[in-house]
Protein backbone atom coordinates (compact mmCIF):
# COMPACT_ATOMS: atom_id res chain seq x y z
CA MET A 1 -2.32 96.04 93.57
CA GLN A 2 -4.26 92.86 94.19
CA PRO A 3 -3.30 90.33 96.88
CA PRO A 4 -1.06 87.44 95.73
CA ASP A 5 -3.78 84.79 96.41
CA VAL A 6 -6.32 86.51 94.23
CA ARG A 7 -6.48 85.33 90.61
CA GLU A 8 -8.19 86.66 87.57
CA PRO A 9 -11.24 84.79 86.21
CA GLY A 10 -10.11 81.74 84.20
CA GLU A 11 -6.62 81.76 85.70
CA GLU A 12 -5.54 78.48 87.42
CA LEU A 13 -3.43 78.28 90.53
CA PRO A 14 -0.05 76.58 90.04
CA ASP A 15 0.26 72.93 91.16
CA PRO A 16 2.78 72.72 94.01
CA ALA A 17 3.60 69.08 93.09
CA ALA A 18 4.61 70.10 89.58
CA ASP A 19 7.79 71.85 90.74
CA GLY A 20 8.45 69.69 93.76
CA GLN A 21 7.02 72.19 96.21
CA GLY A 22 4.68 70.11 98.36
CA PRO A 23 3.43 70.56 101.86
CA GLU A 24 6.42 68.63 103.17
CA GLY A 25 9.02 70.86 101.61
CA GLU A 26 11.05 71.03 98.44
CA GLY A 27 11.33 67.86 96.40
CA ALA A 28 8.46 66.13 98.21
CA GLY A 29 6.60 65.58 94.92
CA ALA A 30 9.47 63.82 93.10
CA PRO A 31 9.13 60.39 94.75
CA ALA A 32 5.36 60.50 94.28
CA ALA A 33 5.80 61.13 90.58
CA HIS A 34 7.89 58.00 90.08
CA GLY A 35 6.82 55.68 92.93
CA GLY A 36 4.23 53.79 90.81
CA ARG A 37 6.88 52.69 88.32
CA LEU A 38 8.96 50.65 90.77
CA GLY A 39 6.46 47.79 91.43
CA GLY A 40 6.12 44.32 89.86
CA LEU A 41 9.12 42.28 88.73
CA ALA A 42 11.38 45.33 88.73
CA ALA A 43 11.17 45.48 92.52
CA LEU A 44 12.34 41.85 92.90
CA LYS A 45 15.86 40.54 93.07
CA PRO A 46 17.21 38.88 89.89
CA VAL A 47 17.25 35.47 91.59
CA SER A 48 13.56 35.78 92.47
CA VAL A 49 12.71 36.80 88.92
CA ILE A 50 14.55 33.77 87.53
CA ILE A 51 12.74 31.42 89.94
CA ILE A 52 9.33 32.84 88.98
CA VAL A 53 10.04 32.62 85.25
CA LEU A 54 11.33 29.04 85.51
CA SER A 55 8.28 28.03 87.60
CA VAL A 56 5.86 29.47 85.04
CA VAL A 57 7.71 27.76 82.19
CA GLY A 58 7.79 24.45 84.10
CA VAL A 59 4.03 24.54 84.80
CA ALA A 60 3.31 25.41 81.17
CA VAL A 61 5.47 22.53 79.86
CA ALA A 62 3.89 20.07 82.33
CA ALA A 63 0.39 21.16 81.27
CA VAL A 64 1.24 20.70 77.59
CA VAL A 65 2.77 17.24 78.16
CA HIS A 66 -0.22 16.14 80.27
CA SER A 67 -2.69 17.37 77.64
CA VAL A 68 -0.82 15.56 74.84
CA MET A 69 -0.76 12.31 76.87
CA LEU A 70 -4.50 12.48 77.53
CA PHE A 71 -5.22 13.29 73.90
CA LEU A 72 -3.22 10.29 72.64
CA ASN A 73 -5.01 8.08 75.17
CA ILE A 74 -8.54 8.99 74.07
CA ALA A 75 -7.81 9.52 70.37
CA PRO A 76 -8.27 6.70 67.84
CA LEU A 77 -5.27 4.41 67.39
CA ASN A 78 -2.48 6.02 65.39
CA THR A 79 1.22 5.52 64.69
CA VAL A 80 2.38 7.64 67.64
CA SER A 81 0.10 6.03 70.25
CA GLN A 82 0.97 2.53 69.05
CA LYS A 83 4.72 3.18 69.01
CA HIS A 84 4.74 4.66 72.52
CA ALA A 85 1.93 2.55 74.00
CA ALA A 86 4.01 1.27 76.93
CA GLY A 87 5.11 4.72 78.07
CA LEU A 88 1.66 6.16 77.47
CA ASN A 89 -0.05 3.49 79.57
CA SER A 90 2.47 3.83 82.40
CA TYR A 91 1.70 7.55 82.59
CA ILE A 92 -2.08 7.38 82.20
CA TYR A 93 -2.92 4.40 84.40
CA PRO A 94 -4.29 4.20 86.96
CA GLU A 95 -4.51 7.86 88.09
CA PHE A 96 -5.56 9.48 84.79
CA ALA A 97 -7.53 6.66 83.16
CA GLN A 98 -10.22 7.90 80.75
CA ASP A 99 -13.45 5.93 80.31
CA TRP A 100 -14.34 7.34 76.89
CA LYS A 101 -12.87 7.71 73.41
CA LEU A 102 -12.51 10.84 71.30
CA PHE A 103 -14.40 10.99 67.96
CA ALA A 104 -15.47 7.33 68.21
CA PRO A 105 -18.21 6.60 70.75
CA ASN A 106 -18.75 2.89 71.17
CA PRO A 107 -22.30 2.24 72.42
CA THR A 108 -22.97 -1.03 74.17
CA SER A 109 -24.29 -3.73 71.83
CA ALA A 110 -24.58 -6.52 74.41
CA ASN A 111 -25.67 -7.02 77.98
CA THR A 112 -22.62 -8.29 79.84
CA HIS A 113 -22.85 -9.75 83.32
CA VAL A 114 -19.76 -10.60 85.35
CA GLN A 115 -20.22 -13.77 87.40
CA ALA A 116 -18.00 -15.48 89.97
CA ARG A 117 -17.75 -18.66 91.96
CA VAL A 118 -15.38 -19.82 94.70
CA LYS A 119 -13.75 -22.90 96.09
CA VAL A 120 -14.16 -23.17 99.84
CA LEU A 121 -12.32 -25.39 102.30
CA MET A 122 -14.88 -27.16 104.47
CA PRO A 123 -14.28 -28.00 108.16
CA ASP A 124 -13.83 -31.68 107.25
CA GLY A 125 -11.02 -30.81 104.84
CA ALA A 126 -13.05 -31.23 101.66
CA LEU A 127 -12.82 -28.61 98.90
CA LYS A 128 -16.24 -27.49 97.66
CA THR A 129 -17.01 -25.48 94.51
CA THR A 130 -20.00 -23.14 94.78
CA GLY A 131 -22.41 -22.14 92.03
CA TRP A 132 -21.99 -19.03 89.91
CA MET A 133 -22.98 -15.76 91.57
CA ASP A 134 -24.06 -12.89 89.27
CA LEU A 135 -22.08 -9.90 90.58
CA THR A 136 -23.52 -7.53 87.98
CA ALA A 137 -27.06 -8.46 89.02
CA MET A 138 -26.12 -7.59 92.59
CA ASP A 139 -25.03 -4.10 91.45
CA GLU A 140 -28.19 -3.65 89.40
CA ALA A 141 -30.31 -4.56 92.43
CA TRP A 142 -28.59 -1.73 94.34
CA ILE A 143 -29.16 0.75 91.49
CA VAL A 144 -32.82 0.03 90.65
CA HIS A 145 -35.17 2.51 92.38
CA ASN A 146 -32.18 4.22 94.02
CA PRO A 147 -32.27 7.97 93.21
CA LEU A 148 -28.60 8.39 94.12
CA PRO A 149 -26.71 5.20 93.23
CA SER A 150 -23.03 5.16 94.06
CA GLN A 151 -20.30 5.19 91.44
CA ALA A 152 -18.99 1.91 92.88
CA HIS A 153 -22.23 0.07 92.13
CA GLN A 154 -22.50 1.65 88.68
CA ASN A 155 -18.96 1.47 87.37
CA GLN A 156 -16.48 -0.36 89.62
CA LEU A 157 -17.08 -3.92 88.43
CA ARG A 158 -18.02 -2.98 84.86
CA GLY A 159 -14.96 -0.77 84.39
CA ALA A 160 -12.58 -3.27 85.99
CA TRP A 161 -13.80 -6.13 83.77
CA SER A 162 -13.72 -3.99 80.61
CA ASN A 163 -10.17 -2.80 81.32
CA TYR A 164 -9.03 -6.33 82.17
CA VAL A 165 -10.44 -7.87 79.00
CA SER A 166 -8.77 -5.15 76.90
CA THR A 167 -5.35 -6.34 78.12
CA LEU A 168 -5.77 -10.02 77.17
CA ASP A 169 -3.59 -11.43 74.42
CA ASP A 170 -4.66 -14.02 71.83
CA LYS A 171 -4.17 -16.75 74.46
CA GLY A 172 -6.40 -15.03 77.01
CA ARG A 173 -3.56 -13.90 79.30
CA PRO A 174 -3.26 -10.36 80.71
CA VAL A 175 -0.39 -8.39 79.21
CA GLY A 176 1.83 -5.90 81.00
CA LEU A 177 1.68 -4.26 84.40
CA PHE A 178 -1.76 -2.81 83.75
CA GLY A 179 -3.17 -6.25 82.92
CA THR A 180 -1.71 -7.68 86.13
CA LEU A 181 -3.12 -4.82 88.19
CA MET A 182 -6.58 -5.26 86.66
CA GLN A 183 -6.48 -9.00 87.43
CA GLU A 184 -5.63 -8.30 91.08
CA TYR A 185 -8.29 -5.60 91.20
CA LEU A 186 -10.97 -7.97 89.88
CA LEU A 187 -9.86 -10.67 92.30
CA ARG A 188 -10.31 -8.32 95.23
CA ILE A 189 -13.71 -7.11 94.05
CA ALA A 190 -14.95 -10.70 93.80
CA ALA A 191 -13.31 -11.83 97.04
CA GLN A 192 -14.92 -9.01 98.99
CA ARG A 193 -18.34 -9.87 97.56
CA PHE A 194 -18.05 -13.39 99.01
CA GLY A 195 -16.08 -12.59 102.15
CA PRO A 196 -13.41 -14.81 103.74
CA HIS A 197 -16.02 -17.36 104.81
CA PHE A 198 -18.79 -18.52 102.50
CA ASP A 199 -21.22 -21.42 102.33
CA GLY A 200 -19.87 -22.99 105.51
CA GLY A 201 -16.20 -22.96 104.47
CA THR A 202 -13.12 -20.75 104.04
CA VAL A 203 -12.68 -19.17 100.59
CA GLN A 204 -9.54 -20.44 98.82
CA ASN A 205 -9.93 -19.61 95.11
CA VAL A 206 -12.05 -17.37 92.91
CA GLN A 207 -13.04 -17.84 89.29
CA LEU A 208 -14.72 -15.21 87.12
CA ARG A 209 -16.52 -15.29 83.81
CA SER A 210 -18.59 -12.92 81.70
CA ALA A 211 -21.94 -13.79 80.17
CA SER A 212 -22.60 -11.54 77.15
CA THR A 213 -25.95 -11.52 75.43
CA PRO A 214 -26.17 -9.42 72.24
CA ILE A 215 -29.00 -6.90 72.20
CA ALA A 216 -31.72 -7.91 69.75
CA ALA A 217 -32.49 -5.71 66.77
CA PRO A 218 -35.62 -3.52 67.05
CA SER A 219 -38.87 -4.86 65.65
CA TRP A 220 -38.83 -2.47 62.69
CA SER A 221 -35.34 -3.55 61.60
CA ASN A 222 -34.54 -6.32 59.10
CA GLN A 223 -31.16 -6.94 60.72
CA TYR A 224 -30.58 -10.38 62.22
CA VAL A 225 -28.81 -10.53 65.59
CA ASP A 226 -27.84 -13.81 67.21
CA THR A 227 -28.84 -13.35 70.85
CA THR A 228 -27.13 -16.49 72.09
CA THR A 229 -25.25 -15.83 75.32
CA GLY A 230 -21.48 -16.21 75.04
CA TYR A 231 -19.10 -16.86 77.95
CA LEU A 232 -15.54 -15.80 78.64
CA VAL A 233 -14.22 -17.94 81.48
CA GLU A 234 -11.07 -17.05 83.40
CA PRO A 235 -8.87 -19.56 85.27
CA TRP A 236 -8.99 -20.04 89.02
CA TRP A 237 -7.17 -17.34 91.00
CA THR A 238 -5.76 -17.94 94.47
CA VAL A 239 -7.15 -15.70 97.21
CA LYS A 240 -4.90 -14.17 99.89
CA ALA A 241 -5.88 -12.73 103.24
CA GLU A 242 -5.23 -9.14 102.10
CA ASP A 243 -7.72 -9.53 99.23
CA PHE A 244 -10.59 -9.33 101.72
CA LYS A 245 -9.50 -5.99 103.22
């Protein structure tokens, strides 16, 4: 007879875990065989599973709604965006405002400079009107030869004026909450450029205008472009103390 631990060539020893006979006694292999199947959602309480599923669904719905809102904002005008313009603008502005349009890039065809002047109260009680100050030229002076110009100098004034003008009705008045916010925003930009005291007096009112000069056609083109500068002049706006902060 051969010893019980001696096997013939090619014969495999039995696996103790197969019949539950492990080193820790009978049945020790049974939990190990099924332990990997009890993880994931199955190990959670039903309430936890419901909370997780509802959270995932809520995030997915919010992402879809946000994407649709942004798409309608940057897409060309259509029936849906025109019908729901008020709700769309209240959601997009000012946090998610987009400075570009889908499918329809609109390159600049004119050089537009935003200018401002102020009325100051002099020490003798007289009200003095200053000359026009070119705010855009001030920004350009900061940008030229600056390898890292700030976004404020590049886009703050330009974007504010562009958004404001887009809200004006046929009588030149800002429409809606967004138009009012853009007017206040422009007022503060201009007020802070002058400061509370300017030209020997205290700033009382601010007036803005744009000077737009169409870009001339290239020399090889037969197209005629009238390069006369046009002005869009806004009324006087009253300045408050908080506008300088």
